[in-house]
């Protein structure tokens, strides 16, 4: 296994002709895809990896400067694909990883046949003419809560992010992967994500994008999915699901897995 593969805990399953890369969002790791993977391995080669900073990765690899913006993560994705000698893939990105995949595709469009975006947002902060869902005051309180008592913050944030039943397996699972992150790394990653503004890059994304979004999501209002659809540079399509929460592939797999499979298998009609 190469250095990049090792650092990112890369796993390759299945042996189809086409390759799917599954990329997780903040506070989770590759285990967030456990409901989707069994439906893919018969048909595709499936690549799973962890973002540096996830609780499953070596915290010594986390470079606070490199990961102060999404470009650092995008170069990681390109590095993984190059090391695995993957010439093109369907990239399925959850939350921040949808934007990471989009950024990577601007540099290397040849590596991506399409991007399936789940719960994606180019900007979380509201402006005069854009609704991202958060005021700066909301984010300052969030970062402050993370800093003062990270474990307590995780316990409160997990059910809010997942939505639905407080005692659900999905909430417990998200709590577990959040707890696994080193607190200083988690705070740094959260600040990078919540303060980012990728809107200016959207027009440069020419790879087809399938935008999949929960009807109710604490982190991403439905209007953001429509904003992406209108502002991405290539062909795009948006589907709003009747699900609740920011991690629907974990909390509502019965609804989400069939939707994702449809978007993975079908191309956008011209």
C-alpha atoms as a PDB file:
ATOM      1  CA  UNK A   1       0.000   0.000   0.000  1.00  0.00           C
ATOM      2  CA  UNK A   2       1.286   3.459  -0.891  1.00  0.00           C
ATOM      3  CA  UNK A   3       1.917   6.286   1.558  1.00  0.00           C
ATOM      4  CA  UNK A   4      -1.225   8.202   0.569  1.00  0.00           C
ATOM      5  CA  UNK A   5      -3.409   5.082   0.713  1.00  0.00           C
ATOM      6  CA  UNK A   6      -2.035   4.199   4.124  1.00  0.00           C
ATOM      7  CA  UNK A   7      -2.589   7.680   5.594  1.00  0.00           C
ATOM      8  CA  UNK A   8      -6.206   7.723   4.381  1.00  0.00           C
ATOM      9  CA  UNK A   9      -7.053   4.096   5.329  1.00  0.00           C
ATOM     10  CA  UNK A  10      -7.980   3.407   1.697  1.00  0.00           C
ATOM     11  CA  UNK A  11     -10.094   0.292   1.134  1.00  0.00           C
ATOM     12  CA  UNK A  12     -10.961  -1.146  -2.281  1.00  0.00           C
ATOM     13  CA  UNK A  13     -13.967  -3.452  -2.582  1.00  0.00           C
ATOM     14  CA  UNK A  14     -15.635  -5.106  -5.555  1.00  0.00           C
ATOM     15  CA  UNK A  15     -14.107  -5.429  -9.008  1.00  0.00           C
ATOM     16  CA  UNK A  16     -16.340  -3.788 -11.601  1.00  0.00           C
ATOM     17  CA  UNK A  17     -15.047  -1.979 -14.667  1.00  0.00           C
ATOM     18  CA  UNK A  18     -16.195   1.392 -13.324  1.00  0.00           C
ATOM     19  CA  UNK A  19     -14.901   2.949 -10.122  1.00  0.00           C
ATOM     20  CA  UNK A  20     -16.917   4.716  -7.437  1.00  0.00           C
ATOM     21  CA  UNK A  21     -15.171   6.803  -4.789  1.00  0.00           C
ATOM     22  CA  UNK A  22     -17.115   7.396  -1.554  1.00  0.00           C
ATOM     23  CA  UNK A  23     -16.044  10.474   0.420  1.00  0.00           C
ATOM     24  CA  UNK A  24     -17.426  11.236   3.897  1.00  0.00           C
ATOM     25  CA  UNK A  25     -18.244  14.567   5.556  1.00  0.00           C
ATOM     26  CA  UNK A  26     -17.202  16.301   8.775  1.00  0.00           C
ATOM     27  CA  UNK A  27     -17.317  14.254  11.967  1.00  0.00           C
ATOM     28  CA  UNK A  28     -17.678  10.911  10.228  1.00  0.00           C
ATOM     29  CA  UNK A  29     -15.403   8.418   8.494  1.00  0.00           C
ATOM     30  CA  UNK A  30     -15.837   5.819   5.749  1.00  0.00           C
ATOM     31  CA  UNK A  31     -18.174   3.764   7.991  1.00  0.00           C
ATOM     32  CA  UNK A  32     -20.928   6.287   7.150  1.00  0.00           C
ATOM     33  CA  UNK A  33     -21.333   4.416   3.828  1.00  0.00           C
ATOM     34  CA  UNK A  34     -22.069   1.021   5.387  1.00  0.00           C
ATOM     35  CA  UNK A  35     -25.664   0.890   4.071  1.00  0.00           C
ATOM     36  CA  UNK A  36     -24.690   1.851   0.510  1.00  0.00           C
ATOM     37  CA  UNK A  37     -21.561  -0.253  -0.063  1.00  0.00           C
ATOM     38  CA  UNK A  38     -23.261  -3.694  -0.219  1.00  0.00           C
ATOM     39  CA  UNK A  39     -25.405  -2.450  -3.140  1.00  0.00           C
ATOM     40  CA  UNK A  40     -22.351  -1.332  -5.136  1.00  0.00           C
ATOM     41  CA  UNK A  41     -19.734  -4.075  -4.828  1.00  0.00           C
ATOM     42  CA  UNK A  42     -21.359  -6.464  -7.323  1.00  0.00           C
ATOM     43  CA  UNK A  43     -21.313  -3.849 -10.066  1.00  0.00           C
ATOM     44  CA  UNK A  44     -18.432  -1.462  -9.332  1.00  0.00           C
ATOM     45  CA  UNK A  45     -14.966  -1.147  -7.902  1.00  0.00           C
ATOM     46  CA  UNK A  46     -15.614   0.841  -4.706  1.00  0.00           C
ATOM     47  CA  UNK A  47     -12.924   3.034  -3.146  1.00  0.00           C
ATOM     48  CA  UNK A  48     -13.408   4.145   0.465  1.00  0.00           C
ATOM     49  CA  UNK A  49     -11.086   6.508   2.308  1.00  0.00           C
ATOM     50  CA  UNK A  50     -10.940   8.760   5.379  1.00  0.00           C
ATOM     51  CA  UNK A  51     -10.197  12.468   5.263  1.00  0.00           C
ATOM     52  CA  UNK A  52      -7.089  13.391   7.245  1.00  0.00           C
ATOM     53  CA  UNK A  53      -8.372  14.625  10.604  1.00  0.00           C
ATOM     54  CA  UNK A  54     -11.051  11.942  10.915  1.00  0.00           C
ATOM     55  CA  UNK A  55     -10.771  10.001  14.167  1.00  0.00           C
ATOM     56  CA  UNK A  56      -9.607   6.910  12.286  1.00  0.00           C
ATOM     57  CA  UNK A  57      -6.538   8.699  10.847  1.00  0.00           C
ATOM     58  CA  UNK A  58      -3.233   9.479  12.527  1.00  0.00           C
ATOM     59  CA  UNK A  59      -3.593  12.989  14.019  1.00  0.00           C
ATOM     60  CA  UNK A  60       0.110  13.573  13.339  1.00  0.00           C
ATOM     61  CA  UNK A  61      -0.753  13.749   9.624  1.00  0.00           C
ATOM     62  CA  UNK A  62      -3.082  16.701  10.161  1.00  0.00           C
ATOM     63  CA  UNK A  63      -1.380  19.862   8.913  1.00  0.00           C
ATOM     64  CA  UNK A  64      -3.326  22.872  10.225  1.00  0.00           C
ATOM     65  CA  UNK A  65      -2.070  25.085   7.381  1.00  0.00           C
ATOM     66  CA  UNK A  66      -2.711  22.604   4.555  1.00  0.00           C
ATOM     67  CA  UNK A  67      -6.255  21.931   5.778  1.00  0.00           C
ATOM     68  CA  UNK A  68      -7.130  25.557   6.506  1.00  0.00           C
ATOM     69  CA  UNK A  69      -8.947  25.494   3.151  1.00  0.00           C
ATOM     70  CA  UNK A  70     -10.626  22.839   1.013  1.00  0.00           C
ATOM     71  CA  UNK A  71      -7.849  22.801  -1.600  1.00  0.00           C
ATOM     72  CA  UNK A  72      -5.662  20.720   0.739  1.00  0.00           C
ATOM     73  CA  UNK A  73      -8.337  18.014   0.834  1.00  0.00           C
ATOM     74  CA  UNK A  74      -8.895  18.278  -2.932  1.00  0.00           C
ATOM     75  CA  UNK A  75      -5.190  17.585  -3.566  1.00  0.00           C
ATOM     76  CA  UNK A  76      -5.527  14.548  -1.276  1.00  0.00           C
ATOM     77  CA  UNK A  77      -8.335  13.189  -3.471  1.00  0.00           C
ATOM     78  CA  UNK A  78      -6.235  13.676  -6.619  1.00  0.00           C
ATOM     79  CA  UNK A  79      -3.288  12.029  -4.838  1.00  0.00           C
ATOM     80  CA  UNK A  80      -5.380   8.982  -3.907  1.00  0.00           C
ATOM     81  CA  UNK A  81      -6.715   8.595  -7.466  1.00  0.00           C
ATOM     82  CA  UNK A  82      -3.226   8.944  -8.940  1.00  0.00           C
ATOM     83  CA  UNK A  83      -1.680   6.472  -6.497  1.00  0.00           C
ATOM     84  CA  UNK A  84      -4.429   3.939  -7.271  1.00  0.00           C
ATOM     85  CA  UNK A  85      -4.004   4.619 -11.019  1.00  0.00           C
ATOM     86  CA  UNK A  86      -7.693   5.427 -11.391  1.00  0.00           C
ATOM     87  CA  UNK A  87      -8.216   7.289 -14.657  1.00  0.00           C
ATOM     88  CA  UNK A  88     -11.851   8.229 -14.009  1.00  0.00           C
ATOM     89  CA  UNK A  89     -14.436   7.722 -11.285  1.00  0.00           C
ATOM     90  CA  UNK A  90     -17.941   8.502 -10.140  1.00  0.00           C
ATOM     91  CA  UNK A  91     -17.308  10.579  -7.021  1.00  0.00           C
ATOM     92  CA  UNK A  92     -19.954  10.445  -4.273  1.00  0.00           C
ATOM     93  CA  UNK A  93     -19.267  13.198  -1.744  1.00  0.00           C
ATOM     94  CA  UNK A  94     -21.164  13.855   1.461  1.00  0.00           C
ATOM     95  CA  UNK A  95     -21.334  17.385   2.900  1.00  0.00           C
ATOM     96  CA  UNK A  96     -17.908  19.068   2.719  1.00  0.00           C
ATOM     97  CA  UNK A  97     -16.563  16.239   0.550  1.00  0.00           C
ATOM     98  CA  UNK A  98     -19.032  17.151  -2.193  1.00  0.00           C
ATOM     99  CA  UNK A  99     -17.300  20.533  -2.396  1.00  0.00           C
ATOM    100  CA  UNK A 100     -13.864  18.903  -2.083  1.00  0.00           C
ATOM    101  CA  UNK A 101     -14.695  16.712  -5.084  1.00  0.00           C
ATOM    102  CA  UNK A 102     -15.917  19.755  -6.994  1.00  0.00           C
ATOM    103  CA  UNK A 103     -12.658  21.629  -6.295  1.00  0.00           C
ATOM    104  CA  UNK A 104     -10.594  18.580  -7.323  1.00  0.00           C
ATOM    105  CA  UNK A 105     -12.594  18.317 -10.558  1.00  0.00           C
ATOM    106  CA  UNK A 106     -11.654  21.872 -11.558  1.00  0.00           C
ATOM    107  CA  UNK A 107      -7.959  20.909 -11.488  1.00  0.00           C
ATOM    108  CA  UNK A 108      -8.422  17.409 -12.960  1.00  0.00           C
ATOM    109  CA  UNK A 109     -11.789  17.114 -14.756  1.00  0.00           C
ATOM    110  CA  UNK A 110     -10.489  14.015 -16.543  1.00  0.00           C
ATOM    111  CA  UNK A 111     -10.598  12.054 -13.274  1.00  0.00           C
ATOM    112  CA  UNK A 112     -14.347  12.522 -12.711  1.00  0.00           C
ATOM    113  CA  UNK A 113     -17.208  11.264 -14.895  1.00  0.00           C
ATOM    114  CA  UNK A 114     -19.714  12.779 -12.453  1.00  0.00           C
ATOM    115  CA  UNK A 115     -20.102  13.966  -8.878  1.00  0.00           C
ATOM    116  CA  UNK A 116     -23.018  12.914  -6.699  1.00  0.00           C
ATOM    117  CA  UNK A 117     -23.383  15.563  -3.976  1.00  0.00           C
ATOM    118  CA  UNK A 118     -25.223  14.738  -0.744  1.00  0.00           C
ATOM    119  CA  UNK A 119     -26.085  17.565   1.704  1.00  0.00           C
ATOM    120  CA  UNK A 120     -23.648  19.910  -0.050  1.00  0.00           C
ATOM    121  CA  UNK A 121     -23.179  23.637   0.534  1.00  0.00           C
ATOM    122  CA  UNK A 122     -20.771  26.147  -1.027  1.00  0.00           C
ATOM    123  CA  UNK A 123     -21.283  28.584   1.872  1.00  0.00           C
ATOM    124  CA  UNK A 124     -22.965  28.251   5.274  1.00  0.00           C
ATOM    125  CA  UNK A 125     -23.049  31.935   6.202  1.00  0.00           C
ATOM    126  CA  UNK A 126     -25.904  34.203   5.176  1.00  0.00           C
ATOM    127  CA  UNK A 127     -25.166  37.361   3.208  1.00  0.00           C
ATOM    128  CA  UNK A 128     -27.442  40.138   2.000  1.00  0.00           C
ATOM    129  CA  UNK A 129     -28.314  38.190  -1.150  1.00  0.00           C
ATOM    130  CA  UNK A 130     -27.594  34.586  -0.149  1.00  0.00           C
ATOM    131  CA  UNK A 131     -29.200  32.288   2.442  1.00  0.00           C
ATOM    132  CA  UNK A 132     -26.739  29.712   3.754  1.00  0.00           C
ATOM    133  CA  UNK A 133     -28.591  29.065   7.005  1.00  0.00           C
ATOM    134  CA  UNK A 134     -26.238  30.602   9.597  1.00  0.00           C
ATOM    135  CA  UNK A 135     -25.390  34.020  10.988  1.00  0.00           C
ATOM    136  CA  UNK A 136     -21.806  34.648  12.148  1.00  0.00           C
ATOM    137  CA  UNK A 137     -23.091  34.791  15.726  1.00  0.00           C
ATOM    138  CA  UNK A 138     -24.468  31.234  15.374  1.00  0.00           C
ATOM    139  CA  UNK A 139     -21.086  29.976  14.194  1.00  0.00           C
ATOM    140  CA  UNK A 140     -19.161  31.828  16.914  1.00  0.00           C
ATOM    141  CA  UNK A 141     -21.384  30.147  19.520  1.00  0.00           C
ATOM    142  CA  UNK A 142     -20.846  26.766  17.875  1.00  0.00           C
ATOM    143  CA  UNK A 143     -17.034  27.134  17.918  1.00  0.00           C
ATOM    144  CA  UNK A 144     -17.131  28.416  21.500  1.00  0.00           C
ATOM    145  CA  UNK A 145     -19.192  25.404  22.607  1.00  0.00           C
ATOM    146  CA  UNK A 146     -16.734  23.052  20.887  1.00  0.00           C
ATOM    147  CA  UNK A 147     -13.824  24.722  22.646  1.00  0.00           C
ATOM    148  CA  UNK A 148     -15.314  24.855  26.132  1.00  0.00           C
ATOM    149  CA  UNK A 149     -16.427  21.198  26.327  1.00  0.00           C
ATOM    150  CA  UNK A 150     -15.953  19.164  23.175  1.00  0.00           C
ATOM    151  CA  UNK A 151     -17.541  15.983  24.492  1.00  0.00           C
ATOM    152  CA  UNK A 152     -20.663  17.788  25.677  1.00  0.00           C
ATOM    153  CA  UNK A 153     -20.876  19.627  22.356  1.00  0.00           C
ATOM    154  CA  UNK A 154     -20.752  16.315  20.455  1.00  0.00           C
ATOM    155  CA  UNK A 155     -23.601  14.924  22.530  1.00  0.00           C
ATOM    156  CA  UNK A 156     -25.751  17.937  21.721  1.00  0.00           C
ATOM    157  CA  UNK A 157     -24.740  18.384  18.089  1.00  0.00           C
ATOM    158  CA  UNK A 158     -25.131  14.754  16.934  1.00  0.00           C
ATOM    159  CA  UNK A 159     -28.931  14.520  17.376  1.00  0.00           C
ATOM    160  CA  UNK A 160     -29.413  17.989  15.864  1.00  0.00           C
ATOM    161  CA  UNK A 161     -27.346  17.130  12.785  1.00  0.00           C
ATOM    162  CA  UNK A 162     -28.830  13.667  12.287  1.00  0.00           C
ATOM    163  CA  UNK A 163     -32.412  14.749  13.012  1.00  0.00           C
ATOM    164  CA  UNK A 164     -35.230  12.471  14.093  1.00  0.00           C
ATOM    165  CA  UNK A 165     -35.000  10.137  17.066  1.00  0.00           C
ATOM    166  CA  UNK A 166     -32.496  11.146  19.776  1.00  0.00           C
ATOM    167  CA  UNK A 167     -31.868   7.499  20.666  1.00  0.00           C
ATOM    168  CA  UNK A 168     -31.430   6.269  17.098  1.00  0.00           C
ATOM    169  CA  UNK A 169     -28.508   4.115  15.990  1.00  0.00           C
ATOM    170  CA  UNK A 170     -27.571   6.840  13.498  1.00  0.00           C
ATOM    171  CA  UNK A 171     -27.226   9.432  16.304  1.00  0.00           C
ATOM    172  CA  UNK A 172     -25.113   7.011  18.345  1.00  0.00           C
ATOM    173  CA  UNK A 173     -22.973   6.282  15.291  1.00  0.00           C
ATOM    174  CA  UNK A 174     -22.400   9.968  14.495  1.00  0.00           C
ATOM    175  CA  UNK A 175     -21.648  10.681  18.180  1.00  0.00           C
ATOM    176  CA  UNK A 176     -19.040   7.907  18.132  1.00  0.00           C
ATOM    177  CA  UNK A 177     -17.196   9.209  15.060  1.00  0.00           C
ATOM    178  CA  UNK A 178     -17.379  12.817  16.323  1.00  0.00           C
ATOM    179  CA  UNK A 179     -15.949  11.758  19.715  1.00  0.00           C
ATOM    180  CA  UNK A 180     -13.107  10.000  17.888  1.00  0.00           C
ATOM    181  CA  UNK A 181     -11.763  13.249  16.456  1.00  0.00           C
ATOM    182  CA  UNK A 182      -9.081  15.071  18.401  1.00  0.00           C
ATOM    183  CA  UNK A 183     -10.875  18.206  19.703  1.00  0.00           C
ATOM    184  CA  UNK A 184      -8.368  20.769  18.384  1.00  0.00           C
ATOM    185  CA  UNK A 185      -8.509  19.142  14.930  1.00  0.00           C
ATOM    186  CA  UNK A 186     -12.322  18.978  14.993  1.00  0.00           C
ATOM    187  CA  UNK A 187     -12.542  22.692  15.843  1.00  0.00           C
ATOM    188  CA  UNK A 188     -10.086  23.616  13.082  1.00  0.00           C
ATOM    189  CA  UNK A 189     -11.961  21.503  10.498  1.00  0.00           C
ATOM    190  CA  UNK A 190     -15.336  22.927  11.581  1.00  0.00           C
ATOM    191  CA  UNK A 191     -13.999  26.477  11.235  1.00  0.00           C
ATOM    192  CA  UNK A 192     -12.584  25.745   7.774  1.00  0.00           C
ATOM    193  CA  UNK A 193     -15.904  24.280   6.601  1.00  0.00           C
ATOM    194  CA  UNK A 194     -18.345  26.720   8.170  1.00  0.00           C
ATOM    195  CA  UNK A 195     -16.340  29.825   7.216  1.00  0.00           C
ATOM    196  CA  UNK A 196     -15.617  28.723   3.639  1.00  0.00           C
ATOM    197  CA  UNK A 197     -17.100  30.377   0.571  1.00  0.00           C
ATOM    198  CA  UNK A 198     -16.787  28.311  -2.593  1.00  0.00           C
ATOM    199  CA  UNK A 199     -19.460  30.131  -4.603  1.00  0.00           C
ATOM    200  CA  UNK A 200     -16.923  31.781  -6.925  1.00  0.00           C
ATOM    201  CA  UNK A 201     -15.619  28.358  -8.011  1.00  0.00           C
ATOM    202  CA  UNK A 202     -18.962  26.794  -8.951  1.00  0.00           C
ATOM    203  CA  UNK A 203     -18.987  28.096 -12.521  1.00  0.00           C
ATOM    204  CA  UNK A 204     -15.628  26.347 -13.101  1.00  0.00           C
ATOM    205  CA  UNK A 205     -17.069  22.919 -12.205  1.00  0.00           C
ATOM    206  CA  UNK A 206     -17.894  21.394 -15.582  1.00  0.00           C
ATOM    207  CA  UNK A 207     -18.316  17.771 -14.523  1.00  0.00           C
ATOM    208  CA  UNK A 208     -22.010  16.678 -14.349  1.00  0.00           C
ATOM    209  CA  UNK A 209     -23.317  17.013 -10.781  1.00  0.00           C
ATOM    210  CA  UNK A 210     -26.234  15.185  -9.158  1.00  0.00           C
ATOM    211  CA  UNK A 211     -27.361  17.139  -6.074  1.00  0.00           C
ATOM    212  CA  UNK A 212     -29.232  15.093  -3.464  1.00  0.00           C
ATOM    213  CA  UNK A 213     -30.654  16.891  -0.444  1.00  0.00           C
ATOM    214  CA  UNK A 214     -32.842  16.245   2.625  1.00  0.00           C
ATOM    215  CA  UNK A 215     -36.073  18.218   2.866  1.00  0.00           C
ATOM    216  CA  UNK A 216     -35.069  19.182   6.413  1.00  0.00           C
ATOM    217  CA  UNK A 217     -31.383  19.645   7.215  1.00  0.00           C
ATOM    218  CA  UNK A 218     -30.007  21.673  10.135  1.00  0.00           C
ATOM    219  CA  UNK A 219     -26.839  22.557   8.193  1.00  0.00           C
ATOM    220  CA  UNK A 220     -28.090  23.003   4.617  1.00  0.00           C
ATOM    221  CA  UNK A 221     -31.404  24.668   3.675  1.00  0.00           C
ATOM    222  CA  UNK A 222     -33.109  23.300   0.552  1.00  0.00           C
ATOM    223  CA  UNK A 223     -32.568  26.638  -1.244  1.00  0.00           C
ATOM    224  CA  UNK A 224     -28.813  25.940  -1.157  1.00  0.00           C
ATOM    225  CA  UNK A 225     -29.311  22.801  -3.269  1.00  0.00           C
ATOM    226  CA  UNK A 226     -31.214  24.908  -5.800  1.00  0.00           C
ATOM    227  CA  UNK A 227     -28.447  27.548  -5.682  1.00  0.00           C
ATOM    228  CA  UNK A 228     -25.882  24.865  -6.551  1.00  0.00           C
ATOM    229  CA  UNK A 229     -28.069  23.608  -9.378  1.00  0.00           C
ATOM    230  CA  UNK A 230     -28.301  27.091 -10.881  1.00  0.00           C
ATOM    231  CA  UNK A 231     -24.645  28.064 -10.458  1.00  0.00           C
ATOM    232  CA  UNK A 232     -22.573  24.980 -11.295  1.00  0.00           C
ATOM    233  CA  UNK A 233     -20.781  25.295 -14.645  1.00  0.00           C
ATOM    234  CA  UNK A 234     -21.762  21.931 -16.137  1.00  0.00           C
ATOM    235  CA  UNK A 235     -24.953  19.899 -16.329  1.00  0.00           C
ATOM    236  CA  UNK A 236     -26.635  19.389 -12.975  1.00  0.00           C
ATOM    237  CA  UNK A 237     -29.812  18.016 -11.482  1.00  0.00           C
ATOM    238  CA  UNK A 238     -31.273  18.325  -7.983  1.00  0.00           C
ATOM    239  CA  UNK A 239     -33.441  15.883  -6.041  1.00  0.00           C
ATOM    240  CA  UNK A 240     -34.931  16.765  -2.673  1.00  0.00           C
ATOM    241  CA  UNK A 241     -35.767  13.701  -0.580  1.00  0.00           C
ATOM    242  CA  UNK A 242     -38.436  13.467   2.099  1.00  0.00           C
ATOM    243  CA  UNK A 243     -35.706  12.784   4.677  1.00  0.00           C
ATOM    244  CA  UNK A 244     -34.784  14.642   7.857  1.00  0.00           C
ATOM    245  CA  UNK A 245     -31.169  15.403   8.733  1.00  0.00           C
ATOM    246  CA  UNK A 246     -27.699  16.101   7.415  1.00  0.00           C
ATOM    247  CA  UNK A 247     -26.589  12.444   7.263  1.00  0.00           C
ATOM    248  CA  UNK A 248     -29.523  10.816   5.455  1.00  0.00           C
ATOM    249  CA  UNK A 249     -27.429   7.926   4.116  1.00  0.00           C
ATOM    250  CA  UNK A 250     -26.954   6.915   7.767  1.00  0.00           C
ATOM    251  CA  UNK A 251     -30.332   7.857   9.263  1.00  0.00           C
ATOM    252  CA  UNK A 252     -32.716   7.002   6.377  1.00  0.00           C
ATOM    253  CA  UNK A 253     -30.943   4.378   4.248  1.00  0.00           C
ATOM    254  CA  UNK A 254     -34.229   2.828   3.037  1.00  0.00           C
ATOM    255  CA  UNK A 255     -35.076   6.106   1.285  1.00  0.00           C
ATOM    256  CA  UNK A 256     -31.588   7.295   0.403  1.00  0.00           C
ATOM    257  CA  UNK A 257     -29.837   4.193  -0.935  1.00  0.00           C
ATOM    258  CA  UNK A 258     -32.282   3.710  -3.860  1.00  0.00           C
ATOM    259  CA  UNK A 259     -32.020   7.430  -4.703  1.00  0.00           C
ATOM    260  CA  UNK A 260     -28.208   7.304  -4.671  1.00  0.00           C
ATOM    261  CA  UNK A 261     -28.126   4.136  -6.778  1.00  0.00           C
ATOM    262  CA  UNK A 262     -30.375   5.795  -9.358  1.00  0.00           C
ATOM    263  CA  UNK A 263     -28.115   8.856  -9.563  1.00  0.00           C
ATOM    264  CA  UNK A 264     -24.977   6.725  -9.694  1.00  0.00           C
ATOM    265  CA  UNK A 265     -26.352   4.598 -12.541  1.00  0.00           C
ATOM    266  CA  UNK A 266     -28.181   7.219 -14.589  1.00  0.00           C
ATOM    267  CA  UNK A 267     -26.740  10.200 -16.394  1.00  0.00           C
ATOM    268  CA  UNK A 268     -28.417  13.594 -16.569  1.00  0.00           C
ATOM    269  CA  UNK A 269     -30.652  13.931 -19.619  1.00  0.00           C
ATOM    270  CA  UNK A 270     -29.510  16.746 -21.899  1.00  0.00           C
END
